[in-house]
Amino acid sequence: MPFRNLLGYFMLPAMMAVVTIAACAPRQPNEDRVPPSAMKEALSYKAPFGDTRTAPSEIVAAGKALYEGKGRCSSCHGTSGKGDGFAAQMNPTHPPRDFTNCAFQKEREDGELYWIIKYGSSGTGMVPLIPGMLSEEEGWKVVAYVRTFCAAQS
């Protein structure tokens, strides 16, 4: 077999392996999960009670109850918000978001977090929760609670 054919014989599998590894690499912790085509829509969403970072305590308490109960968010994101829930290991290449990451919290607008709750995140274990599990109002309450995981945001 000539050298050129031998090289081609090994190059294709090697290139396929590199592409596969790159496609399965974990996402960066702050990477945006709203697709660019939906960003304008996501940024247009506003909570009915105003900025979720300054939500009234009763909204945050309701969000916590939904996060830990009906919404089942803690299954993956954990009660700590660190992405360490009992089901977190189900998608090791795209682990659940760590809500205690203050850089992530600072970079994301309320509408982006809400959009993910509403539509899910393709390629991850995050499924759409609105309207199947949560109402739109409940989704906003969850966003308000998620904001509390970064104590340094205030």
C-alpha atoms as a PDB file:
ATOM      1  CA  MET A   1       0.000   0.000   0.000  1.00  0.00           C
ATOM      2  CA  PRO A   2       1.549   3.333  -1.010  1.00  0.00           C
ATOM      3  CA  PHE A   3       2.355   5.807   1.779  1.00  0.00           C
ATOM      4  CA  ARG A   4      -0.271   8.294   0.532  1.00  0.00           C
ATOM      5  CA  ASN A   5      -3.073   5.704   0.792  1.00  0.00           C
ATOM      6  CA  LEU A   6      -1.832   4.577   4.199  1.00  0.00           C
ATOM      7  CA  LEU A   7      -1.834   8.172   5.476  1.00  0.00           C
ATOM      8  CA  GLY A   8      -5.404   8.702   4.211  1.00  0.00           C
ATOM      9  CA  TYR A   9      -6.453   5.423   5.803  1.00  0.00           C
ATOM     10  CA  PHE A  10      -5.435   6.670   9.257  1.00  0.00           C
ATOM     11  CA  MET A  11      -6.295  10.371   8.846  1.00  0.00           C
ATOM     12  CA  LEU A  12     -10.057   9.941   8.453  1.00  0.00           C
ATOM     13  CA  PRO A  13     -10.541   8.022  11.737  1.00  0.00           C
ATOM     14  CA  ALA A  14      -8.234  10.465  13.527  1.00  0.00           C
ATOM     15  CA  MET A  15     -10.190  13.463  12.242  1.00  0.00           C
ATOM     16  CA  MET A  16     -13.477  11.817  13.201  1.00  0.00           C
ATOM     17  CA  ALA A  17     -12.172  11.226  16.721  1.00  0.00           C
ATOM     18  CA  VAL A  18     -11.178  14.895  17.098  1.00  0.00           C
ATOM     19  CA  VAL A  19     -14.602  16.081  15.906  1.00  0.00           C
ATOM     20  CA  THR A  20     -16.365  13.669  18.256  1.00  0.00           C
ATOM     21  CA  ILE A  21     -14.293  14.784  21.242  1.00  0.00           C
ATOM     22  CA  ALA A  22     -14.923  18.461  20.441  1.00  0.00           C
ATOM     23  CA  ALA A  23     -18.675  17.889  20.061  1.00  0.00           C
ATOM     24  CA  CYS A  24     -18.868  16.101  23.395  1.00  0.00           C
ATOM     25  CA  ALA A  25     -16.708  18.529  25.335  1.00  0.00           C
ATOM     26  CA  PRO A  26     -18.477  20.127  28.284  1.00  0.00           C
ATOM     27  CA  ARG A  27     -19.848  23.604  27.723  1.00  0.00           C
ATOM     28  CA  GLN A  28     -18.121  26.492  29.395  1.00  0.00           C
ATOM     29  CA  PRO A  29     -19.733  27.455  32.712  1.00  0.00           C
ATOM     30  CA  ASN A  30     -20.903  30.837  31.451  1.00  0.00           C
ATOM     31  CA  GLU A  31     -21.794  29.811  27.908  1.00  0.00           C
ATOM     32  CA  ASP A  32     -25.142  31.112  26.768  1.00  0.00           C
ATOM     33  CA  ARG A  33     -27.718  28.392  26.188  1.00  0.00           C
ATOM     34  CA  VAL A  34     -30.309  30.565  24.460  1.00  0.00           C
ATOM     35  CA  PRO A  35     -29.794  30.104  20.715  1.00  0.00           C
ATOM     36  CA  PRO A  36     -28.772  33.297  18.878  1.00  0.00           C
ATOM     37  CA  SER A  37     -31.961  33.089  16.804  1.00  0.00           C
ATOM     38  CA  ALA A  38     -34.055  33.325  20.001  1.00  0.00           C
ATOM     39  CA  MET A  39     -32.034  35.916  21.905  1.00  0.00           C
ATOM     40  CA  LYS A  40     -34.181  38.894  20.879  1.00  0.00           C
ATOM     41  CA  GLU A  41     -37.272  37.068  22.105  1.00  0.00           C
ATOM     42  CA  ALA A  42     -35.570  36.055  25.353  1.00  0.00           C
ATOM     43  CA  LEU A  43     -34.427  39.594  26.085  1.00  0.00           C
ATOM     44  CA  SER A  44     -37.963  40.877  25.556  1.00  0.00           C
ATOM     45  CA  TYR A  45     -39.314  38.816  28.464  1.00  0.00           C
ATOM     46  CA  LYS A  46     -39.830  40.768  31.672  1.00  0.00           C
ATOM     47  CA  ALA A  47     -41.000  39.452  35.042  1.00  0.00           C
ATOM     48  CA  PRO A  48     -44.468  40.706  36.030  1.00  0.00           C
ATOM     49  CA  PHE A  49     -43.102  41.838  39.407  1.00  0.00           C
ATOM     50  CA  GLY A  50     -39.999  43.659  38.069  1.00  0.00           C
ATOM     51  CA  ASP A  51     -36.307  42.771  38.301  1.00  0.00           C
ATOM     52  CA  THR A  52     -35.950  39.243  39.700  1.00  0.00           C
ATOM     53  CA  ARG A  53     -32.774  40.239  41.554  1.00  0.00           C
ATOM     54  CA  THR A  54     -34.853  42.480  43.819  1.00  0.00           C
ATOM     55  CA  ALA A  55     -38.024  40.378  43.997  1.00  0.00           C
ATOM     56  CA  PRO A  56     -40.105  40.571  47.193  1.00  0.00           C
ATOM     57  CA  SER A  57     -39.382  37.841  49.741  1.00  0.00           C
ATOM     58  CA  GLU A  58     -42.771  36.156  49.208  1.00  0.00           C
ATOM     59  CA  ILE A  59     -41.978  35.761  45.478  1.00  0.00           C
ATOM     60  CA  VAL A  60     -38.567  34.271  46.291  1.00  0.00           C
ATOM     61  CA  ALA A  61     -40.104  31.898  48.874  1.00  0.00           C
ATOM     62  CA  ALA A  62     -42.684  30.729  46.327  1.00  0.00           C
ATOM     63  CA  GLY A  63     -39.871  30.265  43.795  1.00  0.00           C
ATOM     64  CA  LYS A  64     -37.925  28.138  46.266  1.00  0.00           C
ATOM     65  CA  ALA A  65     -40.962  25.914  46.863  1.00  0.00           C
ATOM     66  CA  LEU A  66     -41.415  25.477  43.098  1.00  0.00           C
ATOM     67  CA  TYR A  67     -37.668  24.878  42.515  1.00  0.00           C
ATOM     68  CA  GLU A  68     -37.539  22.164  45.159  1.00  0.00           C
ATOM     69  CA  GLY A  69     -41.013  20.743  44.469  1.00  0.00           C
ATOM     70  CA  LYS A  70     -43.297  21.013  41.452  1.00  0.00           C
ATOM     71  CA  GLY A  71     -40.601  22.218  39.027  1.00  0.00           C
ATOM     72  CA  ARG A  72     -38.147  19.502  40.114  1.00  0.00           C
ATOM     73  CA  CYS A  73     -35.235  21.844  39.434  1.00  0.00           C
ATOM     74  CA  SER A  74     -33.293  20.569  42.447  1.00  0.00           C
ATOM     75  CA  SER A  75     -33.172  17.075  40.919  1.00  0.00           C
ATOM     76  CA  CYS A  76     -30.403  18.284  38.630  1.00  0.00           C
ATOM     77  CA  HIS A  77     -29.316  21.672  39.963  1.00  0.00           C
ATOM     78  CA  GLY A  78     -29.376  20.518  43.603  1.00  0.00           C
ATOM     79  CA  THR A  79     -30.826  22.288  46.591  1.00  0.00           C
ATOM     80  CA  SER A  80     -27.487  24.100  46.778  1.00  0.00           C
ATOM     81  CA  GLY A  81     -27.872  25.378  43.194  1.00  0.00           C
ATOM     82  CA  LYS A  82     -24.398  24.048  42.333  1.00  0.00           C
ATOM     83  CA  GLY A  83     -25.581  21.570  39.707  1.00  0.00           C
ATOM     84  CA  ASP A  84     -25.108  18.697  42.126  1.00  0.00           C
ATOM     85  CA  GLY A  85     -28.596  17.180  42.303  1.00  0.00           C
ATOM     86  CA  PHE A  86     -29.118  13.412  42.317  1.00  0.00           C
ATOM     87  CA  ALA A  87     -29.839  13.402  38.552  1.00  0.00           C
ATOM     88  CA  ALA A  88     -26.945  15.707  37.628  1.00  0.00           C
ATOM     89  CA  GLN A  89     -24.797  12.872  36.281  1.00  0.00           C
ATOM     90  CA  MET A  90     -27.302  11.852  33.611  1.00  0.00           C
ATOM     91  CA  ASN A  91     -25.660  14.116  31.004  1.00  0.00           C
ATOM     92  CA  PRO A  92     -21.960  14.410  31.941  1.00  0.00           C
ATOM     93  CA  THR A  93     -20.996  16.253  28.756  1.00  0.00           C
ATOM     94  CA  HIS A  94     -23.477  19.070  29.519  1.00  0.00           C
ATOM     95  CA  PRO A  95     -23.894  19.153  33.299  1.00  0.00           C
ATOM     96  CA  PRO A  96     -26.580  21.254  34.969  1.00  0.00           C
ATOM     97  CA  ARG A  97     -25.870  24.939  35.386  1.00  0.00           C
ATOM     98  CA  ASP A  98     -24.165  26.013  38.618  1.00  0.00           C
ATOM     99  CA  PHE A  99     -26.367  28.873  39.809  1.00  0.00           C
ATOM    100  CA  THR A 100     -23.845  29.862  42.490  1.00  0.00           C
ATOM    101  CA  ASN A 101     -21.520  31.054  39.704  1.00  0.00           C
ATOM    102  CA  CYS A 102     -21.847  34.819  40.135  1.00  0.00           C
ATOM    103  CA  ALA A 103     -20.207  35.540  36.770  1.00  0.00           C
ATOM    104  CA  PHE A 104     -22.996  33.548  35.103  1.00  0.00           C
ATOM    105  CA  GLN A 105     -25.644  35.372  37.159  1.00  0.00           C
ATOM    106  CA  LYS A 106     -24.196  38.767  36.225  1.00  0.00           C
ATOM    107  CA  GLU A 107     -24.022  37.961  32.501  1.00  0.00           C
ATOM    108  CA  ARG A 108     -27.576  36.657  32.144  1.00  0.00           C
ATOM    109  CA  GLU A 109     -30.681  38.791  31.868  1.00  0.00           C
ATOM    110  CA  ASP A 110     -33.901  37.666  33.526  1.00  0.00           C
ATOM    111  CA  GLY A 111     -35.483  36.900  30.154  1.00  0.00           C
ATOM    112  CA  GLU A 112     -32.661  34.522  29.234  1.00  0.00           C
ATOM    113  CA  LEU A 113     -33.185  32.444  32.379  1.00  0.00           C
ATOM    114  CA  TYR A 114     -36.937  32.462  31.837  1.00  0.00           C
ATOM    115  CA  TRP A 115     -36.535  31.423  28.170  1.00  0.00           C
ATOM    116  CA  ILE A 116     -34.564  28.334  29.226  1.00  0.00           C
ATOM    117  CA  ILE A 117     -37.253  27.381  31.748  1.00  0.00           C
ATOM    118  CA  LYS A 118     -39.896  27.851  29.062  1.00  0.00           C
ATOM    119  CA  TYR A 119     -38.176  26.149  26.118  1.00  0.00           C
ATOM    120  CA  GLY A 120     -35.428  24.006  27.641  1.00  0.00           C
ATOM    121  CA  SER A 121     -31.839  23.795  26.453  1.00  0.00           C
ATOM    122  CA  SER A 122     -31.084  21.678  23.410  1.00  0.00           C
ATOM    123  CA  GLY A 123     -28.404  19.050  23.939  1.00  0.00           C
ATOM    124  CA  THR A 124     -28.698  19.162  27.716  1.00  0.00           C
ATOM    125  CA  GLY A 125     -31.027  17.512  30.199  1.00  0.00           C
ATOM    126  CA  MET A 126     -32.965  20.770  30.618  1.00  0.00           C
ATOM    127  CA  VAL A 127     -36.451  20.173  29.261  1.00  0.00           C
ATOM    128  CA  PRO A 128     -39.180  22.792  28.685  1.00  0.00           C
ATOM    129  CA  LEU A 129     -41.127  23.333  31.925  1.00  0.00           C
ATOM    130  CA  ILE A 130     -43.711  25.902  30.758  1.00  0.00           C
ATOM    131  CA  PRO A 131     -46.595  25.139  30.360  1.00  0.00           C
ATOM    132  CA  GLY A 132     -46.196  21.410  31.102  1.00  0.00           C
ATOM    133  CA  MET A 133     -45.042  21.643  34.714  1.00  0.00           C
ATOM    134  CA  LEU A 134     -45.113  25.339  35.574  1.00  0.00           C
ATOM    135  CA  SER A 135     -47.251  28.319  34.665  1.00  0.00           C
ATOM    136  CA  GLU A 136     -45.570  31.419  33.261  1.00  0.00           C
ATOM    137  CA  GLU A 137     -45.948  33.197  36.605  1.00  0.00           C
ATOM    138  CA  GLU A 138     -44.401  30.228  38.415  1.00  0.00           C
ATOM    139  CA  GLY A 139     -41.489  30.241  35.958  1.00  0.00           C
ATOM    140  CA  TRP A 140     -40.727  33.843  36.912  1.00  0.00           C
ATOM    141  CA  LYS A 141     -40.824  32.940  40.594  1.00  0.00           C
ATOM    142  CA  VAL A 142     -38.251  30.220  39.948  1.00  0.00           C
ATOM    143  CA  VAL A 143     -36.013  32.774  38.201  1.00  0.00           C
ATOM    144  CA  ALA A 144     -36.299  35.041  41.256  1.00  0.00           C
ATOM    145  CA  TYR A 145     -35.234  32.171  43.504  1.00  0.00           C
ATOM    146  CA  VAL A 146     -32.367  31.138  41.204  1.00  0.00           C
ATOM    147  CA  ARG A 147     -31.021  34.688  41.489  1.00  0.00           C
ATOM    148  CA  THR A 148     -30.534  34.178  45.248  1.00  0.00           C
ATOM    149  CA  PHE A 149     -27.828  31.544  44.727  1.00  0.00           C
ATOM    150  CA  CYS A 150     -25.300  34.291  44.010  1.00  0.00           C
ATOM    151  CA  ALA A 151     -24.992  36.134  47.311  1.00  0.00           C
ATOM    152  CA  ALA A 152     -22.580  38.672  45.771  1.00  0.00           C
ATOM    153  CA  GLN A 153     -25.024  39.931  43.115  1.00  0.00           C
ATOM    154  CA  SER A 154     -26.675  42.579  45.273  1.00  0.00           C
END
